[in-house]
């Protein structure tokens, strides 16, 4: 699982504008654009806010050994 790749793929397949994501998440448009266009890495906190705004959630599970 590549979290950065998955996050960028979710942004690529979004059905709303960055402006709409910004309004829903409280994350500035420019910050979202930096992640998308300039391959900047979001903090987990900000990524989660954007994912929630897009209808996703982050789940952490203990790896099965």
N, C-alpha and C. Protein backbone atom coordinates (compact mmCIF):
# COMPACT_ATOMS: atom_id res chain seq x y z
N UNK A 1 0.84 -1.18 0.00
CA UNK A 1 0.00 0.00 0.00
C UNK A 1 0.89 1.24 0.00
N UNK A 2 0.67 2.11 -0.94
CA UNK A 2 1.43 3.35 -1.03
C UNK A 2 0.47 4.50 -0.73
N UNK A 3 0.54 5.02 0.46
CA UNK A 3 -0.42 6.04 0.91
C UNK A 3 -0.36 7.29 0.04
N UNK A 4 0.83 7.75 -0.28
CA UNK A 4 0.95 8.97 -1.10
C UNK A 4 0.33 8.76 -2.48
N UNK A 5 0.61 7.61 -3.07
CA UNK A 5 0.06 7.30 -4.40
C UNK A 5 -1.47 7.18 -4.34
N UNK A 6 -1.96 6.50 -3.31
CA UNK A 6 -3.41 6.35 -3.15
C UNK A 6 -4.10 7.69 -2.95
N UNK A 7 -3.48 8.56 -2.14
CA UNK A 7 -4.05 9.88 -1.87
C UNK A 7 -4.12 10.69 -3.17
N UNK A 8 -3.05 10.67 -3.95
CA UNK A 8 -3.04 11.43 -5.19
C UNK A 8 -4.07 10.84 -6.17
N UNK A 9 -4.22 9.54 -6.20
CA UNK A 9 -5.22 8.90 -7.06
C UNK A 9 -6.63 9.33 -6.67
N UNK A 10 -6.89 9.43 -5.38
CA UNK A 10 -8.20 9.91 -4.92
C UNK A 10 -8.43 11.33 -5.38
N UNK A 11 -7.41 12.18 -5.29
CA UNK A 11 -7.55 13.56 -5.77
C UNK A 11 -7.77 13.60 -7.28
N UNK A 12 -7.11 12.72 -8.01
CA UNK A 12 -7.28 12.68 -9.47
C UNK A 12 -8.69 12.28 -9.86
N UNK A 13 -9.29 11.41 -9.08
CA UNK A 13 -10.62 10.87 -9.41
C UNK A 13 -11.76 11.61 -8.70
N UNK A 14 -11.45 12.74 -8.12
CA UNK A 14 -12.47 13.49 -7.38
C UNK A 14 -13.59 13.95 -8.33
N UNK A 15 -14.74 14.19 -7.75
CA UNK A 15 -15.89 14.65 -8.52
C UNK A 15 -16.20 16.12 -8.26
N UNK A 16 -15.37 16.76 -7.44
CA UNK A 16 -15.58 18.16 -7.08
C UNK A 16 -14.27 18.93 -7.26
N UNK A 17 -14.38 20.24 -7.31
CA UNK A 17 -13.21 21.10 -7.49
C UNK A 17 -12.38 21.18 -6.21
N UNK A 18 -11.14 21.63 -6.36
CA UNK A 18 -10.31 21.87 -5.19
C UNK A 18 -10.96 22.92 -4.29
N UNK A 19 -11.62 23.88 -4.89
CA UNK A 19 -12.31 24.92 -4.11
C UNK A 19 -13.38 24.28 -3.21
N UNK A 20 -14.15 23.37 -3.77
CA UNK A 20 -15.19 22.68 -2.99
C UNK A 20 -14.56 21.83 -1.89
N UNK A 21 -13.48 21.13 -2.20
CA UNK A 21 -12.79 20.33 -1.18
C UNK A 21 -12.31 21.24 -0.06
N UNK A 22 -11.77 22.39 -0.44
CA UNK A 22 -11.28 23.35 0.54
C UNK A 22 -12.41 23.82 1.47
N UNK A 23 -13.53 24.14 0.90
CA UNK A 23 -14.67 24.58 1.71
C UNK A 23 -15.13 23.49 2.67
N UNK A 24 -15.17 22.27 2.19
CA UNK A 24 -15.64 21.15 3.02
C UNK A 24 -14.65 20.78 4.11
N UNK A 25 -13.36 20.89 3.81
CA UNK A 25 -12.33 20.39 4.72
C UNK A 25 -11.69 21.47 5.60
N UNK A 26 -11.76 22.73 5.15
CA UNK A 26 -11.09 23.79 5.87
C UNK A 26 -9.61 23.91 5.52
N UNK A 27 -9.15 23.13 4.55
CA UNK A 27 -7.76 23.18 4.09
C UNK A 27 -7.70 24.15 2.91
N UNK A 28 -6.76 25.10 2.92
CA UNK A 28 -6.68 26.08 1.82
C UNK A 28 -6.49 25.42 0.44
N UNK A 29 -7.11 26.02 -0.56
CA UNK A 29 -7.00 25.52 -1.93
C UNK A 29 -5.54 25.39 -2.33
N UNK A 30 -4.75 26.40 -2.02
CA UNK A 30 -3.33 26.40 -2.40
C UNK A 30 -2.59 25.20 -1.82
N UNK A 31 -2.92 24.83 -0.60
CA UNK A 31 -2.29 23.67 0.03
C UNK A 31 -2.64 22.40 -0.73
N UNK A 32 -3.89 22.24 -1.10
CA UNK A 32 -4.33 21.06 -1.85
C UNK A 32 -3.65 21.04 -3.22
N UNK A 33 -3.53 22.18 -3.85
CA UNK A 33 -2.85 22.26 -5.15
C UNK A 33 -1.38 21.89 -5.02
N UNK A 34 -0.74 22.29 -3.94
CA UNK A 34 0.66 21.93 -3.71
C UNK A 34 0.81 20.41 -3.62
N UNK A 35 -0.10 19.76 -2.94
CA UNK A 35 -0.04 18.30 -2.84
C UNK A 35 -0.21 17.67 -4.22
N UNK A 36 -1.16 18.18 -4.96
CA UNK A 36 -1.51 17.57 -6.25
C UNK A 36 -0.49 17.87 -7.35
N UNK A 37 -0.16 19.12 -7.52
CA UNK A 37 0.69 19.52 -8.65
C UNK A 37 2.19 19.47 -8.35
N UNK A 38 2.57 19.66 -7.10
CA UNK A 38 3.99 19.75 -6.76
C UNK A 38 4.48 18.58 -5.91
N UNK A 39 3.66 17.55 -5.82
CA UNK A 39 4.03 16.34 -5.07
C UNK A 39 4.47 16.62 -3.64
N UNK A 40 3.84 17.61 -3.03
CA UNK A 40 4.09 17.87 -1.61
C UNK A 40 3.34 16.82 -0.80
N UNK A 41 3.90 16.43 0.32
CA UNK A 41 3.30 15.41 1.17
C UNK A 41 2.47 16.07 2.26
N UNK A 42 1.18 15.72 2.34
CA UNK A 42 0.34 16.32 3.39
C UNK A 42 0.60 15.66 4.74
N UNK A 43 0.33 16.39 5.80
CA UNK A 43 0.37 15.77 7.13
C UNK A 43 -0.82 14.82 7.21
N UNK A 44 -0.74 13.87 8.10
CA UNK A 44 -1.84 12.92 8.27
C UNK A 44 -3.12 13.65 8.66
N UNK A 45 -3.00 14.64 9.52
CA UNK A 45 -4.16 15.41 9.98
C UNK A 45 -4.87 16.09 8.81
N UNK A 46 -4.11 16.78 7.95
CA UNK A 46 -4.72 17.49 6.83
C UNK A 46 -5.23 16.52 5.77
N UNK A 47 -4.49 15.46 5.52
CA UNK A 47 -4.94 14.45 4.55
C UNK A 47 -6.27 13.85 5.00
N UNK A 48 -6.38 13.58 6.29
CA UNK A 48 -7.63 13.01 6.81
C UNK A 48 -8.79 13.98 6.62
N UNK A 49 -8.57 15.26 6.86
CA UNK A 49 -9.64 16.25 6.68
C UNK A 49 -10.13 16.27 5.23
N UNK A 50 -9.19 16.20 4.29
CA UNK A 50 -9.55 16.19 2.86
C UNK A 50 -10.27 14.89 2.51
N UNK A 51 -9.76 13.77 2.99
CA UNK A 51 -10.40 12.49 2.70
C UNK A 51 -11.82 12.44 3.25
N UNK A 52 -12.03 12.94 4.45
CA UNK A 52 -13.37 12.97 5.02
C UNK A 52 -14.28 13.84 4.15
N UNK A 53 -13.76 14.97 3.68
CA UNK A 53 -14.54 15.86 2.81
C UNK A 53 -14.93 15.17 1.51
N UNK A 54 -14.14 14.17 1.09
CA UNK A 54 -14.42 13.43 -0.14
C UNK A 54 -15.17 12.13 0.11
N UNK A 55 -15.52 11.87 1.37
CA UNK A 55 -16.30 10.67 1.69
C UNK A 55 -15.47 9.45 2.02
N UNK A 56 -14.21 9.63 2.38
CA UNK A 56 -13.34 8.52 2.76
C UNK A 56 -13.02 8.61 4.24
N UNK A 57 -12.45 7.54 4.78
CA UNK A 57 -11.96 7.56 6.14
C UNK A 57 -10.65 6.77 6.20
N UNK A 58 -9.83 7.12 7.16
CA UNK A 58 -8.57 6.43 7.37
C UNK A 58 -8.78 5.43 8.50
N UNK A 59 -8.37 4.20 8.26
CA UNK A 59 -8.47 3.15 9.26
C UNK A 59 -7.08 2.57 9.50
N UNK A 60 -6.72 2.42 10.75
CA UNK A 60 -5.44 1.82 11.09
C UNK A 60 -5.73 0.49 11.78
N UNK A 61 -5.12 -0.55 11.27
CA UNK A 61 -5.30 -1.88 11.83
C UNK A 61 -3.95 -2.50 12.11
N UNK A 62 -3.89 -3.31 13.14
CA UNK A 62 -2.67 -4.04 13.44
C UNK A 62 -2.44 -5.07 12.35
N UNK A 63 -1.23 -5.10 11.87
CA UNK A 63 -0.87 -6.04 10.81
C UNK A 63 -0.90 -7.47 11.34
N UNK A 64 -1.46 -8.36 10.57
CA UNK A 64 -1.50 -9.77 10.94
C UNK A 64 -0.13 -10.37 10.67
N UNK A 65 0.37 -11.09 11.64
CA UNK A 65 1.73 -11.66 11.49
C UNK A 65 1.69 -13.13 11.29
